[in-house]
Amino acid sequence: MWSYPRPPRLRRCYLPIRVVLGGELVCDTAESWQVLETSHPPTYYLPREEFIAGALRETAGSSFCEWKGVARYLDVVGGRLTASKAGWYYPTASPGFDQLVGHVAVYAAAMDVCFVDGEQVVPQPGGFYGGWITSSVAGPFKGVAGSAGW
C-alpha cells in the first residue's frame, strides 16, 4: 500500500464483501469501489442498495476530504445494535470520484465483523481512518502511534 497513489485513486472491486452488526448480516455484495491512498489500507465503498432495509440511518455531521469532497454520516443498525456515525457517504463527489455517489463506507471497528473474499478484516488503527486490512496489504499504516505527521 506504500505504492498506492497520492492523490488517491478508485479501483473497482468484485470480491464478495459481508458486513455483520448485532449478529445480523447488514450488507452482502460482490461489487464495490476501493479508494487506494498512500499509507492507507483500502477503504471499501459498498452499494447503498445492498444494505438491508433500515440498516442505514441519516445522522448529524459531515467532514471534508480534499480529494472526495463533503461526506455525510450514517448510523448503522443491525440486530438490536446501533453503531453511531459508523458509516459515511458522498451525496456528491469531487471530479474523479463520482462513482462513490450511491455507495457507503463503514468503520470495520464499529461492526461485529467485516469480510472481504471470506477473510475477516482488521480495522485500520487510530479510529479516524476507514481502511480495511487484509492479508493482501502490508503496513505500516497511517493511524498507528506516531504516524500523525506522515
C-alpha atoms as a PDB file:
ATOM      1  CA  MET A   1       0.000   0.000   0.000  1.00  0.00           C
ATOM      2  CA  TRP A   2       3.001   2.293   0.039  1.00  0.00           C
ATOM      3  CA  SER A   3       2.804   2.078  -3.739  1.00  0.00           C
ATOM      4  CA  TYR A   4      -0.760   3.426  -3.643  1.00  0.00           C
ATOM      5  CA  PRO A   5      -1.005   6.909  -5.168  1.00  0.00           C
ATOM      6  CA  ARG A   6      -1.476  10.340  -3.740  1.00  0.00           C
ATOM      7  CA  PRO A   7      -3.920  11.741  -4.621  1.00  0.00           C
ATOM      8  CA  PRO A   8      -5.847   8.510  -4.136  1.00  0.00           C
ATOM      9  CA  ARG A   9      -7.465   6.573  -6.932  1.00  0.00           C
ATOM     10  CA  LEU A  10     -10.561   4.453  -7.303  1.00  0.00           C
ATOM     11  CA  ARG A  11     -10.456   0.790  -8.211  1.00  0.00           C
ATOM     12  CA  ARG A  12     -13.459  -1.396  -8.973  1.00  0.00           C
ATOM     13  CA  CYS A  13     -13.623  -4.464  -6.726  1.00  0.00           C
ATOM     14  CA  TYR A  14     -15.504  -7.674  -7.489  1.00  0.00           C
ATOM     15  CA  LEU A  15     -14.654  -9.591  -4.311  1.00  0.00           C
ATOM     16  CA  PRO A  16     -17.538 -10.671  -2.078  1.00  0.00           C
ATOM     17  CA  ILE A  17     -17.961  -8.444   0.969  1.00  0.00           C
ATOM     18  CA  ARG A  18     -20.089  -9.102   4.041  1.00  0.00           C
ATOM     19  CA  VAL A  19     -20.753  -6.793   6.982  1.00  0.00           C
ATOM     20  CA  VAL A  20     -22.285  -8.026  10.245  1.00  0.00           C
ATOM     21  CA  LEU A  21     -23.630  -5.891  13.096  1.00  0.00           C
ATOM     22  CA  GLY A  22     -25.674  -7.019  16.076  1.00  0.00           C
ATOM     23  CA  GLY A  23     -25.403 -10.579  14.808  1.00  0.00           C
ATOM     24  CA  GLU A  24     -27.224  -9.585  11.615  1.00  0.00           C
ATOM     25  CA  LEU A  25     -25.855  -9.536   8.077  1.00  0.00           C
ATOM     26  CA  VAL A  26     -26.405  -5.873   7.157  1.00  0.00           C
ATOM     27  CA  CYS A  27     -24.615  -5.874   3.786  1.00  0.00           C
ATOM     28  CA  ASP A  28     -23.698  -8.623   1.344  1.00  0.00           C
ATOM     29  CA  THR A  29     -22.311  -7.571  -2.016  1.00  0.00           C
ATOM     30  CA  ALA A  30     -19.988  -8.744  -4.764  1.00  0.00           C
ATOM     31  CA  GLU A  31     -19.266  -5.287  -6.181  1.00  0.00           C
ATOM     32  CA  SER A  32     -17.707  -2.275  -4.520  1.00  0.00           C
ATOM     33  CA  TRP A  33     -15.221   0.520  -5.009  1.00  0.00           C
ATOM     34  CA  GLN A  34     -11.879   0.697  -3.259  1.00  0.00           C
ATOM     35  CA  VAL A  35     -10.185   4.005  -2.529  1.00  0.00           C
ATOM     36  CA  LEU A  36      -6.433   3.446  -2.614  1.00  0.00           C
ATOM     37  CA  GLU A  37      -4.227   6.059  -0.987  1.00  0.00           C
ATOM     38  CA  THR A  38      -0.596   6.095   0.115  1.00  0.00           C
ATOM     39  CA  SER A  39      -0.101   4.836   3.697  1.00  0.00           C
ATOM     40  CA  HIS A  40      -3.680   3.523   3.984  1.00  0.00           C
ATOM     41  CA  PRO A  41      -5.212   0.098   3.504  1.00  0.00           C
ATOM     42  CA  PRO A  42      -8.124   0.173   1.019  1.00  0.00           C
ATOM     43  CA  THR A  43     -11.373   1.811   2.052  1.00  0.00           C
ATOM     44  CA  TYR A  44     -14.350  -0.076   0.604  1.00  0.00           C
ATOM     45  CA  TYR A  45     -17.435   1.762  -0.633  1.00  0.00           C
ATOM     46  CA  LEU A  46     -20.408  -0.587  -0.813  1.00  0.00           C
ATOM     47  CA  PRO A  47     -23.572  -0.065  -2.898  1.00  0.00           C
ATOM     48  CA  ARG A  48     -26.189   1.539  -0.692  1.00  0.00           C
ATOM     49  CA  GLU A  49     -28.912  -0.709  -2.132  1.00  0.00           C
ATOM     50  CA  GLU A  50     -27.026  -3.811  -0.901  1.00  0.00           C
ATOM     51  CA  PHE A  51     -27.609  -2.875   2.748  1.00  0.00           C
ATOM     52  CA  ILE A  52     -30.698  -4.427   4.307  1.00  0.00           C
ATOM     53  CA  ALA A  53     -33.715  -2.174   4.796  1.00  0.00           C
ATOM     54  CA  GLY A  54     -33.311   0.003   7.879  1.00  0.00           C
ATOM     55  CA  ALA A  55     -29.575  -0.647   8.290  1.00  0.00           C
ATOM     56  CA  LEU A  56     -28.566   2.908   7.348  1.00  0.00           C
ATOM     57  CA  ARG A  57     -29.962   5.914   9.164  1.00  0.00           C
ATOM     58  CA  GLU A  58     -29.050   9.527   8.441  1.00  0.00           C
ATOM     59  CA  THR A  59     -27.399  11.338  11.338  1.00  0.00           C
ATOM     60  CA  ALA A  60     -25.894  14.736  12.022  1.00  0.00           C
ATOM     61  CA  GLY A  61     -22.392  15.609  10.984  1.00  0.00           C
ATOM     62  CA  SER A  62     -20.168  15.929   7.996  1.00  0.00           C
ATOM     63  CA  SER A  63     -16.485  16.007   7.160  1.00  0.00           C
ATOM     64  CA  PHE A  64     -14.392  17.206   4.253  1.00  0.00           C
ATOM     65  CA  CYS A  65     -11.879  15.243   2.216  1.00  0.00           C
ATOM     66  CA  GLU A  66      -9.598  17.294  -0.005  1.00  0.00           C
ATOM     67  CA  TRP A  67      -9.941  14.623  -2.707  1.00  0.00           C
ATOM     68  CA  LYS A  68     -13.518  13.346  -2.481  1.00  0.00           C
ATOM     69  CA  GLY A  69     -15.490  16.311  -1.126  1.00  0.00           C
ATOM     70  CA  VAL A  70     -18.030  16.588   1.705  1.00  0.00           C
ATOM     71  CA  ALA A  71     -19.065  13.353   3.402  1.00  0.00           C
ATOM     72  CA  ARG A  72     -22.253  12.841   5.409  1.00  0.00           C
ATOM     73  CA  TYR A  73     -22.517  10.366   8.286  1.00  0.00           C
ATOM     74  CA  LEU A  74     -24.838   7.444   8.892  1.00  0.00           C
ATOM     75  CA  ASP A  75     -25.711   5.346  11.886  1.00  0.00           C
ATOM     76  CA  VAL A  76     -25.532   1.650  11.038  1.00  0.00           C
ATOM     77  CA  VAL A  77     -28.249  -0.523  12.588  1.00  0.00           C
ATOM     78  CA  GLY A  78     -28.086  -4.304  12.891  1.00  0.00           C
ATOM     79  CA  GLY A  79     -29.911  -6.639  15.232  1.00  0.00           C
ATOM     80  CA  ARG A  80     -30.510  -4.610  18.362  1.00  0.00           C
ATOM     81  CA  LEU A  81     -27.349  -2.529  17.964  1.00  0.00           C
ATOM     82  CA  THR A  82     -26.824   0.938  16.555  1.00  0.00           C
ATOM     83  CA  ALA A  83     -23.290   1.963  15.632  1.00  0.00           C
ATOM     84  CA  SER A  84     -23.351   5.754  15.784  1.00  0.00           C
ATOM     85  CA  LYS A  85     -21.709   7.571  12.849  1.00  0.00           C
ATOM     86  CA  ALA A  86     -20.190   4.271  11.723  1.00  0.00           C
ATOM     87  CA  GLY A  87     -20.867   4.877   8.029  1.00  0.00           C
ATOM     88  CA  TRP A  88     -20.334   7.723   5.602  1.00  0.00           C
ATOM     89  CA  TYR A  89     -21.148   8.622   2.029  1.00  0.00           C
ATOM     90  CA  TYR A  90     -20.719  11.402  -0.505  1.00  0.00           C
ATOM     91  CA  PRO A  91     -24.050  12.880  -1.710  1.00  0.00           C
ATOM     92  CA  THR A  92     -21.981  14.488  -4.461  1.00  0.00           C
ATOM     93  CA  ALA A  93     -18.325  13.787  -5.040  1.00  0.00           C
ATOM     94  CA  SER A  94     -15.423  15.701  -6.468  1.00  0.00           C
ATOM     95  CA  PRO A  95     -14.440  15.043 -10.091  1.00  0.00           C
ATOM     96  CA  GLY A  96     -12.725  11.700 -10.417  1.00  0.00           C
ATOM     97  CA  PHE A  97     -14.678  10.225  -7.509  1.00  0.00           C
ATOM     98  CA  ASP A  98     -18.190  10.415  -8.999  1.00  0.00           C
ATOM     99  CA  GLN A  99     -18.558   6.623  -8.775  1.00  0.00           C
ATOM    100  CA  LEU A 100     -18.727   6.871  -4.974  1.00  0.00           C
ATOM    101  CA  VAL A 101     -22.143   8.521  -5.135  1.00  0.00           C
ATOM    102  CA  GLY A 102     -24.683   5.896  -4.078  1.00  0.00           C
ATOM    103  CA  HIS A 103     -22.077   3.987  -2.052  1.00  0.00           C
ATOM    104  CA  VAL A 104     -21.381   3.774   1.683  1.00  0.00           C
ATOM    105  CA  ALA A 105     -18.197   3.049   3.624  1.00  0.00           C
ATOM    106  CA  VAL A 106     -18.287   1.704   7.181  1.00  0.00           C
ATOM    107  CA  TYR A 107     -15.770   1.629  10.002  1.00  0.00           C
ATOM    108  CA  ALA A 108     -14.879  -2.035  10.425  1.00  0.00           C
ATOM    109  CA  ALA A 109     -14.088  -1.426  14.115  1.00  0.00           C
ATOM    110  CA  ALA A 110     -17.713  -0.406  14.749  1.00  0.00           C
ATOM    111  CA  MET A 111     -19.123  -3.604  13.202  1.00  0.00           C
ATOM    112  CA  ASP A 112     -19.181  -7.109  14.689  1.00  0.00           C
ATOM    113  CA  VAL A 113     -17.137  -8.295  11.750  1.00  0.00           C
ATOM    114  CA  CYS A 114     -16.434  -7.480   8.086  1.00  0.00           C
ATOM    115  CA  PHE A 115     -15.205  -9.927   5.467  1.00  0.00           C
ATOM    116  CA  VAL A 116     -13.517  -9.445   2.093  1.00  0.00           C
ATOM    117  CA  ASP A 117     -13.466 -12.609  -0.023  1.00  0.00           C
ATOM    118  CA  GLY A 118     -14.142 -14.663   3.116  1.00  0.00           C
ATOM    119  CA  GLU A 119     -11.240 -13.138   5.073  1.00  0.00           C
ATOM    120  CA  GLN A 120     -12.036 -11.241   8.269  1.00  0.00           C
ATOM    121  CA  VAL A 121     -10.681  -7.704   8.020  1.00  0.00           C
ATOM    122  CA  VAL A 122      -8.722  -5.846  10.662  1.00  0.00           C
ATOM    123  CA  PRO A 123      -9.730  -2.187  11.096  1.00  0.00           C
ATOM    124  CA  GLN A 124      -7.173   0.466  10.226  1.00  0.00           C
ATOM    125  CA  PRO A 125      -5.648   1.667  13.517  1.00  0.00           C
ATOM    126  CA  GLY A 126      -6.400   5.000  15.090  1.00  0.00           C
ATOM    127  CA  GLY A 127     -10.177   5.235  14.926  1.00  0.00           C
ATOM    128  CA  PHE A 128     -10.295   8.066  12.381  1.00  0.00           C
ATOM    129  CA  TYR A 129      -9.487   6.258   9.150  1.00  0.00           C
ATOM    130  CA  GLY A 130     -11.766   3.738   7.487  1.00  0.00           C
ATOM    131  CA  GLY A 131      -9.352   1.341   5.814  1.00  0.00           C
ATOM    132  CA  TRP A 132      -9.782  -2.410   5.971  1.00  0.00           C
ATOM    133  CA  ILE A 133      -6.645  -4.507   6.427  1.00  0.00           C
ATOM    134  CA  THR A 134      -6.462  -7.944   4.813  1.00  0.00           C
ATOM    135  CA  SER A 135      -3.539 -10.256   4.105  1.00  0.00           C
ATOM    136  CA  SER A 136      -3.199  -8.682   0.652  1.00  0.00           C
ATOM    137  CA  VAL A 137      -1.832  -5.380   2.050  1.00  0.00           C
ATOM    138  CA  ALA A 138       1.216  -4.685   4.209  1.00  0.00           C
ATOM    139  CA  GLY A 139       1.826  -1.824   6.637  1.00  0.00           C
ATOM    140  CA  PRO A 140       2.779   0.170   8.461  1.00  0.00           C
ATOM    141  CA  PHE A 141      -0.476   2.080   8.134  1.00  0.00           C
ATOM    142  CA  LYS A 142      -1.340   5.645   8.955  1.00  0.00           C
ATOM    143  CA  GLY A 143      -3.226   5.695  12.233  1.00  0.00           C
ATOM    144  CA  VAL A 144      -0.680   3.811  14.341  1.00  0.00           C
ATOM    145  CA  ALA A 145       1.018   5.681  17.180  1.00  0.00           C
ATOM    146  CA  GLY A 146       3.492   8.221  15.826  1.00  0.00           C
ATOM    147  CA  SER A 147       2.003   8.399  12.319  1.00  0.00           C
ATOM    148  CA  ALA A 148       0.242  11.767  12.606  1.00  0.00           C
ATOM    149  CA  GLY A 149       2.938  13.534  10.590  1.00  0.00           C
ATOM    150  CA  TRP A 150       3.148  11.061   7.727  1.00  0.00           C
END
